[in-house]
């Protein structure tokens, strides 16, 4: 038994199809590669846009909602473990402490609490120097944070939202 014979017209048609495929294949590859680059690039731009929008929403200015605690930073940076340097103060009704966070932290600076030679066990300490400019920020839990810095965008740099008036 013999297999089917290849007619010359069929062989010519197969040859023409292979030649056409070999001629157009590089252009098809280039088009596919370009479409992939455009698709992945568009996806990257979309991801960056979503991240920027989320960051803006999270760090949008907001009011202080936790009025019972104020974090007074001793410097405009974060510790290596992510905490803030300085001291916090709980503010209770009728305590005699100022209710304005900047005023409270100014009082702490004036008492020398953030000076390197401050001794918490001493009866008196030399007065401290109050920074020229203090910025009011809002921490993630809604508490006020006062940062010694002339930079108005320091809140965002520290991962906090600027406070609204």
N, C-alpha and C. Protein backbone atom coordinates (compact mmCIF):
# COMPACT_ATOMS: atom_id res chain seq x y z
N UNK A 1 0.83 -1.17 0.00
CA UNK A 1 0.00 0.00 0.00
C UNK A 1 0.89 1.24 0.00
N UNK A 2 0.56 2.15 -0.83
CA UNK A 2 1.34 3.38 -0.96
C UNK A 2 0.51 4.56 -0.44
N UNK A 3 1.22 5.60 0.06
CA UNK A 3 0.56 6.78 0.60
C UNK A 3 0.02 7.66 -0.50
N UNK A 4 -0.72 8.67 -0.14
CA UNK A 4 -1.26 9.57 -1.16
C UNK A 4 -0.15 10.32 -1.87
N UNK A 5 -0.37 10.55 -3.11
CA UNK A 5 0.62 11.27 -3.91
C UNK A 5 0.46 12.77 -3.70
N UNK A 6 1.60 13.45 -3.69
CA UNK A 6 1.59 14.90 -3.57
C UNK A 6 1.51 15.47 -4.97
N UNK A 7 0.43 16.16 -5.23
CA UNK A 7 0.27 16.78 -6.54
C UNK A 7 1.12 18.05 -6.59
N UNK A 8 1.62 18.43 -7.71
CA UNK A 8 2.48 19.62 -7.84
C UNK A 8 1.77 20.90 -7.39
N UNK A 9 0.46 21.03 -7.63
CA UNK A 9 -0.25 22.25 -7.23
C UNK A 9 -0.27 22.36 -5.70
N UNK A 10 -0.47 21.22 -5.04
CA UNK A 10 -0.51 21.22 -3.57
C UNK A 10 0.87 21.56 -3.01
N UNK A 11 1.92 20.99 -3.57
CA UNK A 11 3.28 21.28 -3.12
C UNK A 11 3.60 22.76 -3.32
N UNK A 12 3.17 23.34 -4.45
CA UNK A 12 3.41 24.77 -4.71
C UNK A 12 2.65 25.64 -3.70
N UNK A 13 1.42 25.24 -3.36
CA UNK A 13 0.61 26.00 -2.41
C UNK A 13 1.24 25.96 -1.02
N UNK A 14 1.74 24.78 -0.62
CA UNK A 14 2.40 24.65 0.69
C UNK A 14 3.67 25.50 0.72
N UNK A 15 4.45 25.45 -0.36
CA UNK A 15 5.69 26.23 -0.44
C UNK A 15 5.38 27.73 -0.37
N UNK A 16 4.35 28.18 -1.07
CA UNK A 16 3.97 29.60 -1.07
C UNK A 16 3.52 30.03 0.33
N UNK A 17 2.78 29.15 1.00
CA UNK A 17 2.33 29.46 2.34
C UNK A 17 3.51 29.58 3.30
N UNK A 18 4.48 28.69 3.20
CA UNK A 18 5.65 28.75 4.07
C UNK A 18 6.50 29.99 3.79
N UNK A 19 6.66 30.34 2.53
CA UNK A 19 7.42 31.54 2.18
C UNK A 19 6.71 32.78 2.74
N UNK A 20 5.38 32.85 2.61
CA UNK A 20 4.62 33.98 3.14
C UNK A 20 4.75 34.08 4.66
N UNK A 21 4.68 32.93 5.32
CA UNK A 21 4.82 32.90 6.78
C UNK A 21 6.21 33.37 7.21
N UNK A 22 7.24 32.91 6.54
CA UNK A 22 8.62 33.31 6.87
C UNK A 22 8.82 34.80 6.62
N UNK A 23 8.15 35.34 5.60
CA UNK A 23 8.29 36.75 5.28
C UNK A 23 7.58 37.64 6.32
N UNK A 24 6.43 37.24 6.83
CA UNK A 24 5.65 38.08 7.73
C UNK A 24 5.92 37.81 9.21
N UNK A 25 6.57 36.73 9.57
CA UNK A 25 6.77 36.38 10.98
C UNK A 25 7.55 37.45 11.76
N UNK A 26 8.65 38.04 11.27
CA UNK A 26 9.35 39.08 12.05
C UNK A 26 8.44 40.28 12.36
N UNK A 27 7.61 40.68 11.44
CA UNK A 27 6.71 41.81 11.69
C UNK A 27 5.68 41.45 12.75
N UNK A 28 5.21 40.21 12.76
CA UNK A 28 4.24 39.77 13.77
C UNK A 28 4.90 39.77 15.14
N UNK A 29 6.14 39.29 15.21
CA UNK A 29 6.86 39.30 16.49
C UNK A 29 7.06 40.71 17.02
N UNK A 30 7.44 41.64 16.15
CA UNK A 30 7.64 43.03 16.54
C UNK A 30 6.33 43.62 17.06
N UNK A 31 5.23 43.35 16.38
CA UNK A 31 3.93 43.86 16.79
C UNK A 31 3.53 43.30 18.15
N UNK A 32 3.75 42.00 18.36
CA UNK A 32 3.41 41.39 19.65
C UNK A 32 4.26 42.00 20.77
N UNK A 33 5.57 42.17 20.52
CA UNK A 33 6.46 42.74 21.53
C UNK A 33 6.03 44.16 21.87
N UNK A 34 5.71 44.95 20.84
CA UNK A 34 5.27 46.33 21.07
C UNK A 34 3.98 46.35 21.88
N UNK A 35 3.04 45.49 21.56
CA UNK A 35 1.78 45.44 22.31
C UNK A 35 2.02 45.03 23.76
N UNK A 36 2.95 44.11 24.00
CA UNK A 36 3.27 43.72 25.38
C UNK A 36 3.88 44.89 26.15
N UNK A 37 4.81 45.60 25.53
CA UNK A 37 5.45 46.74 26.19
C UNK A 37 4.41 47.81 26.52
N UNK A 38 3.54 48.09 25.56
CA UNK A 38 2.50 49.09 25.80
C UNK A 38 1.56 48.63 26.91
N UNK A 39 1.17 47.37 26.87
CA UNK A 39 0.26 46.84 27.90
C UNK A 39 0.86 46.87 29.29
N UNK A 40 2.08 46.36 29.44
CA UNK A 40 2.72 46.34 30.76
C UNK A 40 3.08 47.75 31.23
N UNK A 41 3.48 48.60 30.29
CA UNK A 41 3.77 49.99 30.66
C UNK A 41 2.52 50.70 31.14
N UNK A 42 1.41 50.48 30.46
CA UNK A 42 0.15 51.08 30.90
C UNK A 42 -0.27 50.57 32.26
N UNK A 43 -0.04 49.29 32.50
CA UNK A 43 -0.36 48.73 33.81
C UNK A 43 0.52 49.35 34.90
N UNK A 44 1.79 49.58 34.58
CA UNK A 44 2.70 50.23 35.54
C UNK A 44 2.26 51.65 35.85
N UNK A 45 1.88 52.40 34.82
CA UNK A 45 1.41 53.77 35.02
C UNK A 45 0.14 53.76 35.87
N UNK A 46 -0.74 52.82 35.62
CA UNK A 46 -1.97 52.70 36.41
C UNK A 46 -1.65 52.40 37.87
N UNK A 47 -0.70 51.50 38.11
CA UNK A 47 -0.32 51.15 39.49
C UNK A 47 0.27 52.36 40.22
N UNK A 48 1.12 53.12 39.55
CA UNK A 48 1.71 54.31 40.17
C UNK A 48 0.62 55.34 40.47
N UNK A 49 -0.33 55.50 39.56
CA UNK A 49 -1.42 56.44 39.79
C UNK A 49 -2.28 56.04 40.98
N UNK A 50 -2.58 54.75 41.08
CA UNK A 50 -3.38 54.28 42.22
C UNK A 50 -2.62 54.50 43.53
N UNK A 51 -1.31 54.19 43.53
CA UNK A 51 -0.51 54.38 44.74
C UNK A 51 -0.43 55.86 45.14
N UNK A 52 -0.26 56.73 44.17
CA UNK A 52 -0.19 58.16 44.47
C UNK A 52 -1.53 58.67 45.01
N UNK A 53 -2.62 58.21 44.43
CA UNK A 53 -3.94 58.61 44.91
C UNK A 53 -4.17 58.11 46.33
N UNK A 54 -3.78 56.87 46.59
CA UNK A 54 -3.95 56.32 47.94
C UNK A 54 -3.10 57.08 48.94
N UNK A 55 -1.87 57.41 48.57
CA UNK A 55 -1.00 58.18 49.45
C UNK A 55 -1.56 59.56 49.74
N UNK A 56 -2.13 60.18 48.73
CA UNK A 56 -2.73 61.50 48.92
C UNK A 56 -3.93 61.41 49.85
N UNK A 57 -4.72 60.37 49.67
CA UNK A 57 -5.91 60.21 50.51
C UNK A 57 -5.52 59.93 51.97
N UNK A 58 -4.50 59.10 52.16
CA UNK A 58 -4.08 58.75 53.51
C UNK A 58 -3.42 59.92 54.23
N UNK A 59 -2.67 60.74 53.50
CA UNK A 59 -1.95 61.84 54.12
C UNK A 59 -2.63 63.18 53.88
N UNK A 60 -3.91 63.14 53.59
CA UNK A 60 -4.65 64.38 53.39
C UNK A 60 -4.77 65.12 54.72
N UNK A 61 -4.78 66.44 54.68
CA UNK A 61 -4.94 67.19 55.93
C UNK A 61 -6.21 66.78 56.66
N UNK A 62 -6.10 66.73 57.97
CA UNK A 62 -7.25 66.33 58.76
C UNK A 62 -7.21 66.96 60.14
N UNK A 63 -8.32 66.89 60.83
CA UNK A 63 -8.38 67.47 62.16
C UNK A 63 -7.82 66.50 63.21
N UNK A 64 -7.42 67.05 64.34
CA UNK A 64 -6.99 66.24 65.48
C UNK A 64 -8.27 65.68 66.11
N UNK A 65 -8.37 64.35 66.15
CA UNK A 65 -9.58 63.73 66.71
C UNK A 65 -9.34 63.15 68.09
N UNK A 66 -8.09 62.91 68.45
CA UNK A 66 -7.74 62.37 69.77
C UNK A 66 -7.18 63.52 70.60
N UNK A 67 -8.03 64.14 71.41
CA UNK A 67 -7.62 65.33 72.16
C UNK A 67 -6.95 65.02 73.50
N UNK A 68 -6.88 63.77 73.88
CA UNK A 68 -6.32 63.43 75.19
C UNK A 68 -4.84 63.16 75.19
N UNK A 69 -4.18 63.21 74.03
CA UNK A 69 -2.75 62.90 73.96
C UNK A 69 -2.07 63.78 72.93
N UNK A 70 -0.86 64.24 73.26
CA UNK A 70 -0.05 65.04 72.33
C UNK A 70 1.35 64.45 72.31
N UNK A 71 1.90 64.22 71.12
CA UNK A 71 3.27 63.73 70.95
C UNK A 71 4.13 64.93 70.57
N UNK A 72 5.12 65.24 71.40
CA UNK A 72 6.04 66.34 71.13
C UNK A 72 7.35 65.74 70.66
N UNK A 73 7.70 65.94 69.41
CA UNK A 73 8.92 65.39 68.86
C UNK A 73 10.10 66.27 69.22
N UNK A 74 11.22 65.63 69.54
CA UNK A 74 12.42 66.39 69.88
C UNK A 74 13.23 66.75 68.64
N UNK A 75 12.99 66.07 67.53
CA UNK A 75 13.67 66.37 66.27
C UNK A 75 12.80 65.92 65.11
N UNK A 76 13.00 66.51 63.93
CA UNK A 76 12.14 66.19 62.80
C UNK A 76 12.57 64.93 62.05
N UNK A 77 12.55 63.80 62.73
CA UNK A 77 12.93 62.53 62.09
C UNK A 77 12.27 61.39 62.85
N UNK A 78 12.49 60.18 62.35
CA UNK A 78 11.97 58.99 63.01
C UNK A 78 13.14 58.17 63.51
N UNK A 79 12.90 57.42 64.57
CA UNK A 79 13.92 56.51 65.08
C UNK A 79 14.05 55.32 64.13
N UNK A 80 15.16 54.58 64.19
CA UNK A 80 15.32 53.42 63.30
C UNK A 80 14.19 52.39 63.42
N UNK A 81 13.55 52.31 64.59
CA UNK A 81 12.47 51.34 64.75
C UNK A 81 11.12 51.89 64.32
N UNK A 82 11.08 53.12 63.77
CA UNK A 82 9.84 53.70 63.27
C UNK A 82 9.11 54.57 64.28
N UNK A 83 9.56 54.60 65.52
CA UNK A 83 8.92 55.45 66.52
C UNK A 83 9.40 56.89 66.35
N UNK A 84 8.77 57.79 67.08
CA UNK A 84 9.14 59.20 67.00
C UNK A 84 9.94 59.59 68.24
N UNK A 85 11.05 60.34 68.07
CA UNK A 85 11.83 60.78 69.23
C UNK A 85 11.10 61.90 69.95
N UNK A 86 11.20 61.90 71.24
CA UNK A 86 10.56 62.95 72.01
C UNK A 86 9.75 62.37 73.15
N UNK A 87 8.70 63.05 73.49
CA UNK A 87 7.89 62.64 74.63
C UNK A 87 6.43 62.94 74.35
N UNK A 88 5.58 62.14 74.95
CA UNK A 88 4.15 62.36 74.81
C UNK A 88 3.60 62.94 76.10
N UNK A 89 2.46 63.57 75.98
CA UNK A 89 1.81 64.15 77.16
C UNK A 89 0.32 63.85 77.09
N UNK A 90 -0.20 63.30 78.18
CA UNK A 90 -1.64 63.08 78.28
C UNK A 90 -2.27 64.35 78.83
N UNK A 91 -3.34 64.77 78.22
CA UNK A 91 -4.00 66.00 78.64
C UNK A 91 -5.38 65.62 79.17
N UNK A 92 -5.60 65.90 80.45
CA UNK A 92 -6.89 65.61 81.08
C UNK A 92 -7.64 66.91 81.33
N UNK A 93 -8.95 66.82 81.37
CA UNK A 93 -9.78 67.99 81.67
C UNK A 93 -9.43 68.54 83.05
N UNK A 94 -9.26 69.82 83.15
CA UNK A 94 -8.99 70.46 84.43
C UNK A 94 -7.61 70.20 84.98
N UNK A 95 -6.66 69.77 84.13
CA UNK A 95 -5.31 69.48 84.62
C UNK A 95 -4.47 70.74 84.75
N UNK A 96 -4.93 71.83 84.17
CA UNK A 96 -4.17 73.06 84.22
C UNK A 96 -3.17 73.16 83.09
N UNK A 97 -3.04 72.12 82.28
CA UNK A 97 -2.14 72.16 81.14
C UNK A 97 -2.83 72.83 79.97
N UNK A 98 -2.05 73.46 79.09
CA UNK A 98 -2.66 74.08 77.92
C UNK A 98 -3.33 73.02 77.05
N UNK A 99 -4.44 73.34 76.44
CA UNK A 99 -5.12 72.39 75.56
C UNK A 99 -4.62 72.49 74.13
N UNK A 100 -3.96 73.60 73.79
CA UNK A 100 -3.37 73.75 72.46
C UNK A 100 -2.10 72.91 72.39
N UNK A 101 -1.98 71.96 71.43
CA UNK A 101 -0.80 71.10 71.37
C UNK A 101 0.52 71.86 71.22
N UNK A 102 0.54 72.89 70.40
CA UNK A 102 1.79 73.66 70.21
C UNK A 102 2.16 74.37 71.50
N UNK A 103 1.19 74.90 72.19
CA UNK A 103 1.45 75.59 73.45
C UNK A 103 1.99 74.60 74.50
N UNK A 104 1.41 73.39 74.54
CA UNK A 104 1.86 72.37 75.48
C UNK A 104 3.30 71.95 75.19
N UNK A 105 3.62 71.71 73.92
CA UNK A 105 4.99 71.31 73.57
C UNK A 105 5.98 72.45 73.78
N UNK A 106 5.55 73.68 73.55
CA UNK A 106 6.42 74.83 73.83
C UNK A 106 6.77 74.86 75.32
N UNK A 107 5.80 74.59 76.16
CA UNK A 107 6.04 74.53 77.60
C UNK A 107 7.07 73.44 77.94
N UNK A 108 6.95 72.29 77.28
CA UNK A 108 7.90 71.19 77.52
C UNK A 108 9.31 71.59 77.06
N UNK A 109 9.41 72.29 75.92
CA UNK A 109 10.70 72.75 75.44
C UNK A 109 11.29 73.77 76.42
N UNK A 110 10.44 74.70 76.90
CA UNK A 110 10.92 75.73 77.83
C UNK A 110 11.43 75.11 79.13
N UNK A 111 10.84 74.03 79.57
CA UNK A 111 11.28 73.37 80.80
C UNK A 111 12.55 72.54 80.60
N UNK A 112 13.05 72.49 79.38
CA UNK A 112 14.31 71.80 79.11
C UNK A 112 14.18 70.30 78.94
N UNK A 113 12.98 69.80 78.75
CA UNK A 113 12.75 68.37 78.65
C UNK A 113 13.50 67.72 77.50
N UNK A 114 13.74 68.44 76.42
CA UNK A 114 14.40 67.86 75.25
C UNK A 114 15.88 68.22 75.15
N UNK A 115 16.42 68.83 76.19
CA UNK A 115 17.85 69.15 76.21
C UNK A 115 18.65 67.89 76.54
N UNK A 116 19.86 67.75 75.98
CA UNK A 116 20.66 66.54 76.23
C UNK A 116 21.03 66.33 77.70
N UNK A 117 21.21 67.42 78.45
CA UNK A 117 21.62 67.28 79.85
C UNK A 117 20.43 67.31 80.83
N UNK A 118 19.21 67.08 80.34
CA UNK A 118 18.03 67.07 81.20
C UNK A 118 18.08 65.89 82.16
N UNK A 119 17.87 66.17 83.44
CA UNK A 119 17.87 65.12 84.47
C UNK A 119 16.46 65.03 85.04
N UNK A 120 15.73 63.93 84.75
CA UNK A 120 14.35 63.84 85.23
C UNK A 120 14.24 63.71 86.75
N UNK A 121 15.34 63.38 87.45
CA UNK A 121 15.29 63.23 88.90
C UNK A 121 15.69 64.49 89.64
N UNK A 122 16.21 65.47 88.91
CA UNK A 122 16.66 66.72 89.55
C UNK A 122 15.46 67.59 89.90
N UNK A 123 15.60 68.34 90.98
CA UNK A 123 14.53 69.25 91.40
C UNK A 123 14.38 70.41 90.42
N UNK A 124 15.50 70.87 89.86
CA UNK A 124 15.45 71.95 88.86
C UNK A 124 16.39 71.59 87.73
N UNK A 125 16.05 72.03 86.56
CA UNK A 125 16.87 71.88 85.37
C UNK A 125 16.99 73.24 84.71
N UNK A 126 18.07 73.48 84.00
CA UNK A 126 18.17 74.76 83.30
C UNK A 126 17.08 74.85 82.23
N UNK A 127 16.62 76.05 81.93
CA UNK A 127 15.58 76.19 80.91
C UNK A 127 16.10 75.75 79.54
N UNK A 128 15.19 75.28 78.75
CA UNK A 128 15.56 74.82 77.41
C UNK A 128 15.29 75.88 76.36
N UNK A 129 15.78 75.63 75.17
CA UNK A 129 15.59 76.55 74.05
C UNK A 129 14.44 76.04 73.19
N UNK A 130 13.46 76.87 72.95
CA UNK A 130 12.30 76.51 72.12
C UNK A 130 12.68 76.73 70.65
N UNK A 131 12.41 75.74 69.78
CA UNK A 131 12.70 75.93 68.35
C UNK A 131 11.91 77.12 67.78
N UNK A 132 12.48 77.73 66.75
CA UNK A 132 11.84 78.90 66.15
C UNK A 132 10.48 78.57 65.55
N UNK A 133 10.36 77.41 64.91
CA UNK A 133 9.09 77.05 64.27
C UNK A 133 8.69 75.65 64.66
N UNK A 134 7.41 75.46 64.96
CA UNK A 134 6.84 74.17 65.30
C UNK A 134 5.68 73.90 64.35
N UNK A 135 5.62 72.68 63.82
CA UNK A 135 4.54 72.29 62.90
C UNK A 135 3.59 71.33 63.60
N UNK A 136 2.31 71.50 63.37
CA UNK A 136 1.30 70.63 63.95
C UNK A 136 0.90 69.57 62.93
N UNK A 137 1.02 68.32 63.32
CA UNK A 137 0.68 67.19 62.45
C UNK A 137 -0.36 66.32 63.15
N UNK A 138 -0.95 65.41 62.39
CA UNK A 138 -1.91 64.46 62.94
C UNK A 138 -1.37 63.06 62.71
N UNK A 139 -1.22 62.31 63.80
CA UNK A 139 -0.73 60.93 63.70
C UNK A 139 -1.85 60.02 63.20
N UNK A 140 -1.51 58.78 62.88
CA UNK A 140 -2.48 57.84 62.32
C UNK A 140 -3.65 57.59 63.26
N UNK A 141 -3.43 57.67 64.57
CA UNK A 141 -4.51 57.42 65.53
C UNK A 141 -5.34 58.68 65.83
N UNK A 142 -5.04 59.79 65.16
CA UNK A 142 -5.79 61.02 65.34
C UNK A 142 -5.22 61.95 66.39
N UNK A 143 -4.13 61.54 67.06
CA UNK A 143 -3.51 62.38 68.07
C UNK A 143 -2.66 63.46 67.41
N UNK A 144 -2.49 64.56 68.13
CA UNK A 144 -1.66 65.66 67.64
C UNK A 144 -0.19 65.33 67.85
N UNK A 145 0.63 65.76 66.91
CA UNK A 145 2.08 65.65 67.03
C UNK A 145 2.67 67.00 66.65
N UNK A 146 3.59 67.48 67.46
CA UNK A 146 4.22 68.77 67.22
C UNK A 146 5.68 68.50 66.85
N UNK A 147 6.07 68.99 65.68
CA UNK A 147 7.40 68.72 65.13
C UNK A 147 8.19 70.01 65.02
N UNK A 148 9.42 70.03 65.55
CA UNK A 148 10.25 71.23 65.43
C UNK A 148 10.88 71.31 64.03
N UNK A 149 10.29 72.11 63.16
CA UNK A 149 10.81 72.23 61.80
C UNK A 149 10.20 73.45 61.11
N UNK A 150 10.98 74.15 60.29
CA UNK A 150 10.41 75.24 59.50
C UNK A 150 9.74 74.71 58.22
N UNK A 151 9.99 73.45 57.89
CA UNK A 151 9.47 72.83 56.67
C UNK A 151 7.99 72.50 56.86
N UNK A 152 7.13 73.11 56.04
CA UNK A 152 5.70 72.88 56.19
C UNK A 152 5.26 71.51 55.70
N UNK A 153 6.10 70.81 54.94
CA UNK A 153 5.75 69.47 54.46
C UNK A 153 6.41 68.38 55.31
N UNK A 154 6.88 68.71 56.49
CA UNK A 154 7.54 67.73 57.35
C UNK A 154 6.57 66.64 57.79
N UNK A 155 5.30 66.96 57.93
CA UNK A 155 4.30 65.97 58.36
C UNK A 155 4.28 64.80 57.37
N UNK A 156 4.18 65.11 56.09
CA UNK A 156 4.15 64.06 55.07
C UNK A 156 5.46 63.29 55.04
N UNK A 157 6.57 63.98 55.24
CA UNK A 157 7.87 63.30 55.24
C UNK A 157 8.00 62.31 56.38
N UNK A 158 7.30 62.58 57.48
CA UNK A 158 7.35 61.68 58.64
C UNK A 158 6.21 60.66 58.64
N UNK A 159 5.38 60.67 57.61
CA UNK A 159 4.28 59.71 57.54
C UNK A 159 3.05 60.13 58.31
N UNK A 160 2.92 61.43 58.54
CA UNK A 160 1.73 61.93 59.23
C UNK A 160 1.00 62.91 58.32
N UNK A 161 -0.21 63.22 58.67
CA UNK A 161 -1.00 64.19 57.89
C UNK A 161 -0.87 65.57 58.50
N UNK A 162 -0.84 66.60 57.68
CA UNK A 162 -0.85 67.95 58.25
C UNK A 162 -2.20 68.21 58.90
N UNK A 163 -2.20 69.00 59.94
CA UNK A 163 -3.44 69.31 60.66
C UNK A 163 -4.19 70.43 59.97
N UNK A 164 -5.50 70.34 59.98
CA UNK A 164 -6.31 71.44 59.48
C UNK A 164 -6.59 72.38 60.64
N UNK A 165 -6.79 73.63 60.31
CA UNK A 165 -7.04 74.62 61.36
C UNK A 165 -8.45 74.52 61.89
